[in-house]
């Protein structure tokens, strides 16, 4: 399943290889009109909590701790159901997790893609 799950910025051009496109940010990305987003869905329930997102502030020096805390959040009931939904999508189609974060490799999308691939 790992090759079936990718992640990237929502601002990048869409491609046929994207498969299902799911936004995994809690907040809608700036400058993107909903009609122009080319999303299959917006699954904000799988995003990090607002407190965790604000604490992290996309500081690369905090990424290791952010990753640890976010993985812990993914085990709670609210996140678990959303994650199960993403796994179901990936079982039947390619899945591209989208985020507005500039440093996509230090984002919840990167953590989530890795976690979903391991949970197959």
PDB file of N, CA and C in Angstrom:
ATOM      1  N   UNK A   1       0.820  -1.190   0.000  1.00  0.00           N
ATOM      2  CA  UNK A   1       0.000   0.000   0.000  1.00  0.00           C
ATOM      3  C   UNK A   1       0.867   1.257   0.000  1.00  0.00           C
ATOM      4  N   UNK A   2       2.121   1.172   0.423  1.00  0.00           N
ATOM      5  CA  UNK A   2       2.977   2.347   0.539  1.00  0.00           C
ATOM      6  C   UNK A   2       3.095   3.116  -0.770  1.00  0.00           C
ATOM      7  N   UNK A   3       3.194   2.411  -1.876  1.00  0.00           N
ATOM      8  CA  UNK A   3       3.325   3.086  -3.169  1.00  0.00           C
ATOM      9  C   UNK A   3       2.008   3.713  -3.600  1.00  0.00           C
ATOM     10  N   UNK A   4       0.954   3.341  -2.962  1.00  0.00           N
ATOM     11  CA  UNK A   4      -0.360   3.863  -3.305  1.00  0.00           C
ATOM     12  C   UNK A   4      -0.691   5.119  -2.523  1.00  0.00           C
ATOM     13  N   UNK A   5       0.126   5.487  -1.542  1.00  0.00           N
ATOM     14  CA  UNK A   5      -0.133   6.663  -0.716  1.00  0.00           C
ATOM     15  C   UNK A   5       1.006   7.656  -0.903  1.00  0.00           C
ATOM     16  N   UNK A   6       0.663   8.837  -1.376  1.00  0.00           N
ATOM     17  CA  UNK A   6       1.649   9.899  -1.536  1.00  0.00           C
ATOM     18  C   UNK A   6       1.112  11.158  -0.859  1.00  0.00           C
ATOM     19  N   UNK A   7       1.955  12.173  -0.806  1.00  0.00           N
ATOM     20  CA  UNK A   7       1.526  13.450  -0.243  1.00  0.00           C
ATOM     21  C   UNK A   7       2.214  14.575  -0.998  1.00  0.00           C
ATOM     22  N   UNK A   8       1.551  15.704  -1.024  1.00  0.00           N
ATOM     23  CA  UNK A   8       2.123  16.889  -1.652  1.00  0.00           C
ATOM     24  C   UNK A   8       1.288  18.113  -1.327  1.00  0.00           C
ATOM     25  N   UNK A   9       1.755  19.253  -1.837  1.00  0.00           N
ATOM     26  CA  UNK A   9       1.065  20.518  -1.573  1.00  0.00           C
ATOM     27  C   UNK A   9      -0.176  20.647  -2.451  1.00  0.00           C
ATOM     28  N   UNK A  10      -1.194  21.232  -1.894  1.00  0.00           N
ATOM     29  CA  UNK A  10      -2.436  21.437  -2.632  1.00  0.00           C
ATOM     30  C   UNK A  10      -2.250  22.421  -3.781  1.00  0.00           C
ATOM     31  N   UNK A  11      -1.219  23.253  -3.694  1.00  0.00           N
ATOM     32  CA  UNK A  11      -0.979  24.275  -4.712  1.00  0.00           C
ATOM     33  C   UNK A  11      -0.323  23.709  -5.981  1.00  0.00           C
ATOM     34  N   UNK A  12       0.144  22.479  -5.928  1.00  0.00           N
ATOM     35  CA  UNK A  12       0.780  21.868  -7.093  1.00  0.00           C
ATOM     36  C   UNK A  12      -0.270  21.430  -8.106  1.00  0.00           C
ATOM     37  N   UNK A  13       0.149  21.330  -9.358  1.00  0.00           N
ATOM     38  CA  UNK A  13      -0.715  20.894 -10.456  1.00  0.00           C
ATOM     39  C   UNK A  13      -1.237  19.486 -10.178  1.00  0.00           C
ATOM     40  N   UNK A  14      -2.477  19.249 -10.514  1.00  0.00           N
ATOM     41  CA  UNK A  14      -3.036  17.899 -10.382  1.00  0.00           C
ATOM     42  C   UNK A  14      -2.510  17.030 -11.526  1.00  0.00           C
ATOM     43  N   UNK A  15      -2.440  15.735 -11.255  1.00  0.00           N
ATOM     44  CA  UNK A  15      -2.026  14.793 -12.297  1.00  0.00           C
ATOM     45  C   UNK A  15      -2.950  13.575 -12.240  1.00  0.00           C
ATOM     46  N   UNK A  16      -3.067  12.845 -13.339  1.00  0.00           N
ATOM     47  CA  UNK A  16      -3.883  11.631 -13.334  1.00  0.00           C
ATOM     48  C   UNK A  16      -3.368  10.596 -12.324  1.00  0.00           C
ATOM     49  N   UNK A  17      -2.079  10.643 -12.000  1.00  0.00           N
ATOM     50  CA  UNK A  17      -1.504   9.677 -11.060  1.00  0.00           C
ATOM     51  C   UNK A  17      -1.901   9.952  -9.614  1.00  0.00           C
ATOM     52  N   UNK A  18      -2.538  11.088  -9.349  1.00  0.00           N
ATOM     53  CA  UNK A  18      -2.934  11.429  -7.976  1.00  0.00           C
ATOM     54  C   UNK A  18      -3.927  10.440  -7.387  1.00  0.00           C
ATOM     55  N   UNK A  19      -4.768   9.883  -8.201  1.00  0.00           N
ATOM     56  CA  UNK A  19      -5.831   9.043  -7.658  1.00  0.00           C
ATOM     57  C   UNK A  19      -6.799   9.904  -6.869  1.00  0.00           C
ATOM     58  N   UNK A  20      -7.222   9.428  -5.721  1.00  0.00           N
ATOM     59  CA  UNK A  20      -8.116  10.206  -4.851  1.00  0.00           C
ATOM     60  C   UNK A  20      -7.294  11.275  -4.142  1.00  0.00           C
ATOM     61  N   UNK A  21      -7.793  12.488  -4.172  1.00  0.00           N
ATOM     62  CA  UNK A  21      -7.098  13.635  -3.574  1.00  0.00           C
ATOM     63  C   UNK A  21      -7.857  14.064  -2.317  1.00  0.00           C
ATOM     64  N   UNK A  22      -7.175  13.977  -1.165  1.00  0.00           N
ATOM     65  CA  UNK A  22      -7.818  14.286   0.115  1.00  0.00           C
ATOM     66  C   UNK A  22      -6.992  15.333   0.854  1.00  0.00           C
ATOM     67  N   UNK A  23      -7.629  16.452   1.170  1.00  0.00           N
ATOM     68  CA  UNK A  23      -6.993  17.498   1.965  1.00  0.00           C
ATOM     69  C   UNK A  23      -7.019  17.055   3.428  1.00  0.00           C
ATOM     70  N   UNK A  24      -5.848  17.072   4.076  1.00  0.00           N
ATOM     71  CA  UNK A  24      -5.748  16.604   5.468  1.00  0.00           C
ATOM     72  C   UNK A  24      -5.348  17.733   6.417  1.00  0.00           C
ATOM     73  N   UNK A  25      -5.636  18.967   6.053  1.00  0.00           N
ATOM     74  CA  UNK A  25      -5.407  20.128   6.921  1.00  0.00           C
ATOM     75  C   UNK A  25      -6.684  20.435   7.691  1.00  0.00           C
ATOM     76  N   UNK A  26      -6.533  20.962   8.892  1.00  0.00           N
ATOM     77  CA  UNK A  26      -7.688  21.355   9.691  1.00  0.00           C
ATOM     78  C   UNK A  26      -8.285  22.667   9.186  1.00  0.00           C
ATOM     79  N   UNK A  27      -7.435  23.527   8.624  1.00  0.00           N
ATOM     80  CA  UNK A  27      -7.846  24.842   8.163  1.00  0.00           C
ATOM     81  C   UNK A  27      -7.767  24.879   6.637  1.00  0.00           C
ATOM     82  N   UNK A  28      -8.747  25.515   6.007  1.00  0.00           N
ATOM     83  CA  UNK A  28      -8.752  25.606   4.546  1.00  0.00           C
ATOM     84  C   UNK A  28      -7.551  26.424   4.075  1.00  0.00           C
ATOM     85  N   UNK A  29      -6.849  25.994   3.023  1.00  0.00           N
ATOM     86  CA  UNK A  29      -5.648  26.686   2.551  1.00  0.00           C
ATOM     87  C   UNK A  29      -5.941  28.071   1.962  1.00  0.00           C
ATOM     88  N   UNK A  30      -5.079  29.001   2.283  1.00  0.00           N
ATOM     89  CA  UNK A  30      -5.217  30.366   1.769  1.00  0.00           C
ATOM     90  C   UNK A  30      -5.070  30.390   0.251  1.00  0.00           C
ATOM     91  N   UNK A  31      -5.882  31.221  -0.359  1.00  0.00           N
ATOM     92  CA  UNK A  31      -5.757  31.451  -1.788  1.00  0.00           C
ATOM     93  C   UNK A  31      -6.306  30.357  -2.678  1.00  0.00           C
ATOM     94  N   UNK A  32      -6.935  29.347  -2.103  1.00  0.00           N
ATOM     95  CA  UNK A  32      -7.486  28.246  -2.901  1.00  0.00           C
ATOM     96  C   UNK A  32      -9.008  28.323  -2.840  1.00  0.00           C
ATOM     97  N   UNK A  33      -9.600  28.506  -3.993  1.00  0.00           N
ATOM     98  CA  UNK A  33     -11.063  28.489  -4.055  1.00  0.00           C
ATOM     99  C   UNK A  33     -11.535  27.040  -4.016  1.00  0.00           C
ATOM    100  N   UNK A  34     -12.592  26.794  -3.292  1.00  0.00           N
ATOM    101  CA  UNK A  34     -13.084  25.424  -3.172  1.00  0.00           C
ATOM    102  C   UNK A  34     -13.414  24.816  -4.529  1.00  0.00           C
ATOM    103  N   UNK A  35     -13.911  25.624  -5.440  1.00  0.00           N
ATOM    104  CA  UNK A  35     -14.238  25.114  -6.774  1.00  0.00           C
ATOM    105  C   UNK A  35     -12.996  24.747  -7.577  1.00  0.00           C
ATOM    106  N   UNK A  36     -11.854  25.326  -7.223  1.00  0.00           N
ATOM    107  CA  UNK A  36     -10.617  25.092  -7.972  1.00  0.00           C
ATOM    108  C   UNK A  36      -9.679  24.088  -7.301  1.00  0.00           C
ATOM    109  N   UNK A  37     -10.077  23.529  -6.184  1.00  0.00           N
ATOM    110  CA  UNK A  37      -9.179  22.674  -5.388  1.00  0.00           C
ATOM    111  C   UNK A  37      -8.986  21.273  -5.983  1.00  0.00           C
ATOM    112  N   UNK A  38      -9.915  20.807  -6.790  1.00  0.00           N
ATOM    113  CA  UNK A  38      -9.829  19.471  -7.391  1.00  0.00           C
ATOM    114  C   UNK A  38      -9.636  18.399  -6.314  1.00  0.00           C
ATOM    115  N   UNK A  39     -10.501  18.452  -5.310  1.00  0.00           N
ATOM    116  CA  UNK A  39     -10.445  17.499  -4.200  1.00  0.00           C
ATOM    117  C   UNK A  39     -11.537  16.451  -4.342  1.00  0.00           C
ATOM    118  N   UNK A  40     -11.236  15.277  -3.815  1.00  0.00           N
ATOM    119  CA  UNK A  40     -12.302  14.296  -3.658  1.00  0.00           C
ATOM    120  C   UNK A  40     -12.976  14.496  -2.307  1.00  0.00           C
ATOM    121  N   UNK A  41     -12.179  14.930  -1.335  1.00  0.00           N
ATOM    122  CA  UNK A  41     -12.771  15.290  -0.045  1.00  0.00           C
ATOM    123  C   UNK A  41     -11.785  16.049   0.826  1.00  0.00           C
ATOM    124  N   UNK A  42     -12.349  16.689   1.837  1.00  0.00           N
ATOM    125  CA  UNK A  42     -11.577  17.399   2.855  1.00  0.00           C
ATOM    126  C   UNK A  42     -11.841  16.659   4.151  1.00  0.00           C
ATOM    127  N   UNK A  43     -10.831  16.000   4.673  1.00  0.00           N
ATOM    128  CA  UNK A  43     -10.977  15.171   5.873  1.00  0.00           C
ATOM    129  C   UNK A  43     -10.237  15.832   7.029  1.00  0.00           C
ATOM    130  N   UNK A  44     -10.798  16.910   7.546  1.00  0.00           N
ATOM    131  CA  UNK A  44     -10.117  17.655   8.614  1.00  0.00           C
ATOM    132  C   UNK A  44     -10.066  16.878   9.926  1.00  0.00           C
ATOM    133  N   UNK A  45     -10.916  15.861  10.072  1.00  0.00           N
ATOM    134  CA  UNK A  45     -10.924  15.066  11.308  1.00  0.00           C
ATOM    135  C   UNK A  45      -9.627  14.291  11.519  1.00  0.00           C
ATOM    136  N   UNK A  46      -8.851  14.078  10.473  1.00  0.00           N
ATOM    137  CA  UNK A  46      -7.597  13.333  10.596  1.00  0.00           C
ATOM    138  C   UNK A  46      -6.417  14.277  10.874  1.00  0.00           C
ATOM    139  N   UNK A  47      -6.645  15.566  10.767  1.00  0.00           N
ATOM    140  CA  UNK A  47      -5.579  16.558  10.990  1.00  0.00           C
ATOM    141  C   UNK A  47      -5.199  16.627  12.463  1.00  0.00           C
ATOM    142  N   UNK A  48      -4.017  17.133  12.753  1.00  0.00           N
ATOM    143  CA  UNK A  48      -3.633  17.329  14.152  1.00  0.00           C
ATOM    144  C   UNK A  48      -4.601  18.289  14.836  1.00  0.00           C
ATOM    145  N   UNK A  49      -4.735  18.140  16.131  1.00  0.00           N
ATOM    146  CA  UNK A  49      -5.592  19.050  16.896  1.00  0.00           C
ATOM    147  C   UNK A  49      -5.099  20.483  16.714  1.00  0.00           C
ATOM    148  N   UNK A  50      -5.985  21.423  16.941  1.00  0.00           N
ATOM    149  CA  UNK A  50      -5.608  22.836  16.836  1.00  0.00           C
ATOM    150  C   UNK A  50      -4.482  23.176  17.801  1.00  0.00           C
ATOM    151  N   UNK A  51      -4.535  22.637  19.017  1.00  0.00           N
ATOM    152  CA  UNK A  51      -3.475  22.905  19.997  1.00  0.00           C
ATOM    153  C   UNK A  51      -2.127  22.397  19.502  1.00  0.00           C
ATOM    154  N   UNK A  52      -2.108  21.189  18.972  1.00  0.00           N
ATOM    155  CA  UNK A  52      -0.851  20.620  18.482  1.00  0.00           C
ATOM    156  C   UNK A  52      -0.345  21.404  17.268  1.00  0.00           C
ATOM    157  N   UNK A  53      -1.236  21.738  16.378  1.00  0.00           N
ATOM    158  CA  UNK A  53      -0.863  22.497  15.171  1.00  0.00           C
ATOM    159  C   UNK A  53      -0.258  23.849  15.560  1.00  0.00           C
ATOM    160  N   UNK A  54      -0.886  24.533  16.514  1.00  0.00           N
ATOM    161  CA  UNK A  54      -0.371  25.839  16.945  1.00  0.00           C
ATOM    162  C   UNK A  54       0.960  25.691  17.667  1.00  0.00           C
ATOM    163  N   UNK A  55       1.095  24.662  18.500  1.00  0.00           N
ATOM    164  CA  UNK A  55       2.361  24.446  19.212  1.00  0.00           C
ATOM    165  C   UNK A  55       3.494  24.199  18.212  1.00  0.00           C
ATOM    166  N   UNK A  56       3.239  23.374  17.221  1.00  0.00           N
ATOM    167  CA  UNK A  56       4.275  23.011  16.244  1.00  0.00           C
ATOM    168  C   UNK A  56       4.713  24.224  15.427  1.00  0.00           C
ATOM    169  N   UNK A  57       3.780  24.974  14.903  1.00  0.00           N
ATOM    170  CA  UNK A  57       4.098  26.164  14.139  1.00  0.00           C
ATOM    171  C   UNK A  57       5.024  25.906  12.958  1.00  0.00           C
ATOM    172  N   UNK A  58       5.106  24.688  12.508  1.00  0.00           N
ATOM    173  CA  UNK A  58       5.946  24.282  11.370  1.00  0.00           C
ATOM    174  C   UNK A  58       7.420  24.624  11.587  1.00  0.00           C
ATOM    175  N   UNK A  59       7.848  24.494  12.830  1.00  0.00           N
ATOM    176  CA  UNK A  59       9.263  24.667  13.189  1.00  0.00           C
ATOM    177  C   UNK A  59       9.958  23.317  13.009  1.00  0.00           C
ATOM    178  N   UNK A  60      10.859  23.187  12.042  1.00  0.00           N
ATOM    179  CA  UNK A  60      11.521  21.894  11.807  1.00  0.00           C
ATOM    180  C   UNK A  60      12.200  21.319  13.057  1.00  0.00           C
ATOM    181  N   UNK A  61      12.687  22.172  13.940  1.00  0.00           N
ATOM    182  CA  UNK A  61      13.345  21.674  15.156  1.00  0.00           C
ATOM    183  C   UNK A  61      12.358  20.960  16.082  1.00  0.00           C
ATOM    184  N   UNK A  62      11.063  21.199  15.912  1.00  0.00           N
ATOM    185  CA  UNK A  62      10.034  20.546  16.737  1.00  0.00           C
ATOM    186  C   UNK A  62       9.408  19.340  16.046  1.00  0.00           C
ATOM    187  N   UNK A  63       9.860  19.012  14.844  1.00  0.00           N
ATOM    188  CA  UNK A  63       9.187  17.983  14.057  1.00  0.00           C
ATOM    189  C   UNK A  63       9.175  16.623  14.741  1.00  0.00           C
ATOM    190  N   UNK A  64      10.276  16.220  15.325  1.00  0.00           N
ATOM    191  CA  UNK A  64      10.326  14.897  15.965  1.00  0.00           C
ATOM    192  C   UNK A  64       9.275  14.791  17.068  1.00  0.00           C
ATOM    193  N   UNK A  65       9.172  15.830  17.893  1.00  0.00           N
ATOM    194  CA  UNK A  65       8.169  15.829  18.967  1.00  0.00           C
ATOM    195  C   UNK A  65       6.761  15.959  18.384  1.00  0.00           C
ATOM    196  N   UNK A  66       6.602  16.784  17.364  1.00  0.00           N
ATOM    197  CA  UNK A  66       5.301  16.902  16.691  1.00  0.00           C
ATOM    198  C   UNK A  66       4.853  15.537  16.175  1.00  0.00           C
ATOM    199  N   UNK A  67       5.762  14.837  15.509  1.00  0.00           N
ATOM    200  CA  UNK A  67       5.456  13.521  14.961  1.00  0.00           C
ATOM    201  C   UNK A  67       5.000  12.571  16.058  1.00  0.00           C
ATOM    202  N   UNK A  68       5.722  12.553  17.177  1.00  0.00           N
ATOM    203  CA  UNK A  68       5.365  11.685  18.298  1.00  0.00           C
ATOM    204  C   UNK A  68       3.960  12.011  18.816  1.00  0.00           C
ATOM    205  N   UNK A  69       3.690  13.301  19.015  1.00  0.00           N
ATOM    206  CA  UNK A  69       2.381  13.714  19.540  1.00  0.00           C
ATOM    207  C   UNK A  69       1.253  13.438  18.538  1.00  0.00           C
ATOM    208  N   UNK A  70       1.526  13.676  17.269  1.00  0.00           N
ATOM    209  CA  UNK A  70       0.495  13.441  16.256  1.00  0.00           C
ATOM    210  C   UNK A  70       0.187  11.948  16.139  1.00  0.00           C
ATOM    211  N   UNK A  71       1.193  11.100  16.179  1.00  0.00           N
ATOM    212  CA  UNK A  71       0.957   9.658  16.148  1.00  0.00           C
ATOM    213  C   UNK A  71       0.112   9.219  17.341  1.00  0.00           C
ATOM    214  N   UNK A  72       0.331   9.844  18.495  1.00  0.00           N
ATOM    215  CA  UNK A  72      -0.495   9.541  19.668  1.00  0.00           C
ATOM    216  C   UNK A  72      -1.943   9.970  19.420  1.00  0.00           C
ATOM    217  N   UNK A  73      -2.133  11.138  18.799  1.00  0.00           N
ATOM    218  CA  UNK A  73      -3.488  11.601  18.493  1.00  0.00           C
ATOM    219  C   UNK A  73      -4.192  10.664  17.510  1.00  0.00           C
ATOM    220  N   UNK A  74      -3.457  10.102  16.583  1.00  0.00           N
ATOM    221  CA  UNK A  74      -4.067   9.208  15.592  1.00  0.00           C
ATOM    222  C   UNK A  74      -4.676   7.959  16.222  1.00  0.00           C
ATOM    223  N   UNK A  75      -4.299   7.669  17.451  1.00  0.00           N
ATOM    224  CA  UNK A  75      -4.857   6.497  18.141  1.00  0.00           C
ATOM    225  C   UNK A  75      -6.174   6.811  18.842  1.00  0.00           C
ATOM    226  N   UNK A  76      -6.559   8.111  18.951  1.00  0.00           N
ATOM    227  CA  UNK A  76      -7.811   8.417  19.634  1.00  0.00           C
ATOM    228  C   UNK A  76      -9.004   8.135  18.709  1.00  0.00           C
ATOM    229  N   UNK A  77     -10.181   8.051  19.296  1.00  0.00           N
ATOM    230  CA  UNK A  77     -11.373   7.615  18.560  1.00  0.00           C
ATOM    231  C   UNK A  77     -11.698   8.494  17.356  1.00  0.00           C
ATOM    232  N   UNK A  78     -11.630   9.799  17.507  1.00  0.00           N
ATOM    233  CA  UNK A  78     -11.970  10.698  16.416  1.00  0.00           C
ATOM    234  C   UNK A  78     -11.054  10.554  15.223  1.00  0.00           C
ATOM    235  N   UNK A  79      -9.769  10.472  15.481  1.00  0.00           N
ATOM    236  CA  UNK A  79      -8.798  10.316  14.406  1.00  0.00           C
ATOM    237  C   UNK A  79      -8.843   8.911  13.804  1.00  0.00           C
ATOM    238  N   UNK A  80      -9.096   7.923  14.632  1.00  0.00           N
ATOM    239  CA  UNK A  80      -9.066   6.526  14.189  1.00  0.00           C
ATOM    240  C   UNK A  80     -10.080   6.260  13.077  1.00  0.00           C
ATOM    241  N   UNK A  81     -11.285   6.785  13.213  1.00  0.00           N
ATOM    242  CA  UNK A  81     -12.313   6.571  12.196  1.00  0.00           C
ATOM    243  C   UNK A  81     -11.910   7.231  10.875  1.00  0.00           C
ATOM    244  N   UNK A  82     -11.370   8.445  10.937  1.00  0.00           N
ATOM    245  CA  UNK A  82     -10.930   9.135   9.715  1.00  0.00           C
ATOM    246  C   UNK A  82      -9.764   8.388   9.067  1.00  0.00           C
ATOM    247  N   UNK A  83      -8.837   7.895   9.873  1.00  0.00           N
ATOM    248  CA  UNK A  83      -7.700   7.142   9.349  1.00  0.00           C
ATOM    249  C   UNK A  83      -8.172   5.846   8.690  1.00  0.00           C
ATOM    250  N   UNK A  84      -9.142   5.203   9.268  1.00  0.00           N
ATOM    251  CA  UNK A  84      -9.701   3.977   8.680  1.00  0.00           C
ATOM    252  C   UNK A  84     -10.300   4.284   7.303  1.00  0.00           C
ATOM    253  N   UNK A  85     -10.953   5.409   7.197  1.00  0.00           N
ATOM    254  CA  UNK A  85     -11.527   5.828   5.920  1.00  0.00           C
ATOM    255  C   UNK A  85     -10.418   6.009   4.871  1.00  0.00           C
ATOM    256  N   UNK A  86      -9.313   6.632   5.260  1.00  0.00           N
ATOM    257  CA  UNK A  86      -8.191   6.812   4.325  1.00  0.00           C
ATOM    258  C   UNK A  86      -7.596   5.468   3.918  1.00  0.00           C
ATOM    259  N   UNK A  87      -7.474   4.538   4.860  1.00  0.00           N
ATOM    260  CA  UNK A  87      -6.964   3.211   4.533  1.00  0.00           C
ATOM    261  C   UNK A  87      -7.864   2.497   3.534  1.00  0.00           C
ATOM    262  N   UNK A  88      -9.173   2.674   3.707  1.00  0.00           N
ATOM    263  CA  UNK A  88     -10.128   2.059   2.770  1.00  0.00           C
ATOM    264  C   UNK A  88      -9.958   2.636   1.371  1.00  0.00           C
ATOM    265  N   UNK A  89      -9.761   3.945   1.270  1.00  0.00           N
ATOM    266  CA  UNK A  89      -9.533   4.562  -0.035  1.00  0.00           C
ATOM    267  C   UNK A  89      -8.270   3.980  -0.660  1.00  0.00           C
ATOM    268  N   UNK A  90      -7.189   3.931   0.121  1.00  0.00           N
ATOM    269  CA  UNK A  90      -5.902   3.448  -0.396  1.00  0.00           C
ATOM    270  C   UNK A  90      -5.957   1.974  -0.805  1.00  0.00           C
ATOM    271  N   UNK A  91      -6.850   1.215  -0.209  1.00  0.00           N
ATOM    272  CA  UNK A  91      -6.975  -0.197  -0.572  1.00  0.00           C
ATOM    273  C   UNK A  91      -7.574  -0.375  -1.973  1.00  0.00           C
ATOM    274  N   UNK A  92      -8.270   0.646  -2.448  1.00  0.00           N
ATOM    275  CA  UNK A  92      -8.958   0.538  -3.733  1.00  0.00           C
ATOM    276  C   UNK A  92      -8.436   1.485  -4.810  1.00  0.00           C
ATOM    277  N   UNK A  93      -7.634   2.458  -4.432  1.00  0.00           N
ATOM    278  CA  UNK A  93      -7.189   3.467  -5.387  1.00  0.00           C
ATOM    279  C   UNK A  93      -5.912   4.106  -4.856  1.00  0.00           C
ATOM    280  N   UNK A  94      -5.206   4.814  -5.719  1.00  0.00           N
ATOM    281  CA  UNK A  94      -4.082   5.629  -5.250  1.00  0.00           C
ATOM    282  C   UNK A  94      -4.656   6.746  -4.384  1.00  0.00           C
ATOM    283  N   UNK A  95      -3.894   7.171  -3.404  1.00  0.00           N
ATOM    284  CA  UNK A  95      -4.339   8.211  -2.481  1.00  0.00           C
ATOM    285  C   UNK A  95      -3.258   9.270  -2.388  1.00  0.00           C
ATOM    286  N   UNK A  96      -3.634  10.520  -2.619  1.00  0.00           N
ATOM    287  CA  UNK A  96      -2.720  11.633  -2.448  1.00  0.00           C
ATOM    288  C   UNK A  96      -3.245  12.507  -1.322  1.00  0.00           C
ATOM    289  N   UNK A  97      -2.454  12.608  -0.258  1.00  0.00           N
ATOM    290  CA  UNK A  97      -2.791  13.462   0.875  1.00  0.00           C
ATOM    291  C   UNK A  97      -2.283  14.863   0.564  1.00  0.00           C
ATOM    292  N   UNK A  98      -3.140  15.834   0.716  1.00  0.00           N
ATOM    293  CA  UNK A  98      -2.797  17.211   0.369  1.00  0.00           C
ATOM    294  C   UNK A  98      -2.719  18.092   1.601  1.00  0.00           C
ATOM    295  N   UNK A  99      -1.766  19.015   1.565  1.00  0.00           N
ATOM    296  CA  UNK A  99      -1.586  19.978   2.635  1.00  0.00           C
ATOM    297  C   UNK A  99      -1.139  21.300   2.022  1.00  0.00           C
ATOM    298  N   UNK A 100      -1.379  22.379   2.743  1.00  0.00           N
ATOM    299  CA  UNK A 100      -0.928  23.692   2.288  1.00  0.00           C
ATOM    300  C   UNK A 100       0.464  24.013   2.823  1.00  0.00           C
ATOM    301  N   UNK A 101       0.967  23.196   3.711  1.00  0.00           N
ATOM    302  CA  UNK A 101       2.253  23.430   4.352  1.00  0.00           C
ATOM    303  C   UNK A 101       3.375  23.569   3.326  1.00  0.00           C
ATOM    304  N   UNK A 102       4.220  24.571   3.505  1.00  0.00           N
ATOM    305  CA  UNK A 102       5.335  24.787   2.569  1.00  0.00           C
ATOM    306  C   UNK A 102       6.341  23.644   2.618  1.00  0.00           C
ATOM    307  N   UNK A 103       6.715  23.235   3.819  1.00  0.00           N
ATOM    308  CA  UNK A 103       7.699  22.170   4.001  1.00  0.00           C
ATOM    309  C   UNK A 103       6.947  20.854   4.149  1.00  0.00           C
ATOM    310  N   UNK A 104       6.548  20.306   3.034  1.00  0.00           N
ATOM    311  CA  UNK A 104       5.664  19.149   3.038  1.00  0.00           C
ATOM    312  C   UNK A 104       6.294  17.921   3.713  1.00  0.00           C
ATOM    313  N   UNK A 105       7.616  17.800   3.675  1.00  0.00           N
ATOM    314  CA  UNK A 105       8.267  16.656   4.316  1.00  0.00           C
ATOM    315  C   UNK A 105       8.270  16.749   5.837  1.00  0.00           C
ATOM    316  N   UNK A 106       7.953  17.913   6.370  1.00  0.00           N
ATOM    317  CA  UNK A 106       7.822  18.112   7.820  1.00  0.00           C
ATOM    318  C   UNK A 106       6.386  18.500   8.158  1.00  0.00           C
ATOM    319  N   UNK A 107       5.450  17.776   7.571  1.00  0.00           N
ATOM    320  CA  UNK A 107       4.029  18.078   7.760  1.00  0.00           C
ATOM    321  C   UNK A 107       3.277  16.858   8.275  1.00  0.00           C
ATOM    322  N   UNK A 108       2.043  17.101   8.687  1.00  0.00           N
ATOM    323  CA  UNK A 108       1.199  15.989   9.120  1.00  0.00           C
ATOM    324  C   UNK A 108       0.915  15.054   7.947  1.00  0.00           C
ATOM    325  N   UNK A 109       0.905  15.563   6.724  1.00  0.00           N
ATOM    326  CA  UNK A 109       0.658  14.696   5.565  1.00  0.00           C
ATOM    327  C   UNK A 109       1.763  13.655   5.427  1.00  0.00           C
ATOM    328  N   UNK A 110       3.002  14.059   5.656  1.00  0.00           N
ATOM    329  CA  UNK A 110       4.129  13.119   5.583  1.00  0.00           C
ATOM    330  C   UNK A 110       4.025  12.066   6.681  1.00  0.00           C
ATOM    331  N   UNK A 111       3.724  12.514   7.895  1.00  0.00           N
ATOM    332  CA  UNK A 111       3.589  11.583   9.026  1.00  0.00           C
ATOM    333  C   UNK A 111       2.435  10.619   8.764  1.00  0.00           C
ATOM    334  N   UNK A 112       1.323  11.164   8.312  1.00  0.00           N
ATOM    335  CA  UNK A 112       0.137  10.353   8.063  1.00  0.00           C
ATOM    336  C   UNK A 112       0.365   9.333   6.952  1.00  0.00           C
ATOM    337  N   UNK A 113       1.027   9.729   5.878  1.00  0.00           N
ATOM    338  CA  UNK A 113       1.299   8.799   4.773  1.00  0.00           C
ATOM    339  C   UNK A 113       2.167   7.643   5.248  1.00  0.00           C
ATOM    340  N   UNK A 114       3.188   7.946   6.019  1.00  0.00           N
ATOM    341  CA  UNK A 114       4.062   6.895   6.550  1.00  0.00           C
ATOM    342  C   UNK A 114       3.291   5.973   7.492  1.00  0.00           C
ATOM    343  N   UNK A 115       2.505   6.538   8.360  1.00  0.00           N
ATOM    344  CA  UNK A 115       1.725   5.775   9.335  1.00  0.00           C
ATOM    345  C   UNK A 115       0.701   4.873   8.644  1.00  0.00           C
ATOM    346  N   UNK A 116       0.002   5.412   7.654  1.00  0.00           N
ATOM    347  CA  UNK A 116      -0.992   4.601   6.925  1.00  0.00           C
ATOM    348  C   UNK A 116      -0.330   3.446   6.207  1.00  0.00           C
ATOM    349  N   UNK A 117       0.828   3.687   5.617  1.00  0.00           N
ATOM    350  CA  UNK A 117       1.548   2.633   4.894  1.00  0.00           C
ATOM    351  C   UNK A 117       1.978   1.511   5.837  1.00  0.00           C
ATOM    352  N   UNK A 118       2.354   1.861   7.051  1.00  0.00           N
ATOM    353  CA  UNK A 118       2.783   0.833   8.017  1.00  0.00           C
ATOM    354  C   UNK A 118       1.606   0.067   8.598  1.00  0.00           C
ATOM    355  N   UNK A 119       0.445   0.673   8.617  1.00  0.00           N
ATOM    356  CA  UNK A 119      -0.739   0.059   9.243  1.00  0.00           C
ATOM    357  C   UNK A 119      -1.480  -0.884   8.311  1.00  0.00           C
ATOM    358  N   UNK A 120      -0.960  -1.085   7.091  1.00  0.00           N
ATOM    359  CA  UNK A 120      -1.679  -1.951   6.163  1.00  0.00           C
ATOM    360  C   UNK A 120      -1.756  -3.302   6.758  1.00  0.00           C
TER     361      UNK A 120
END
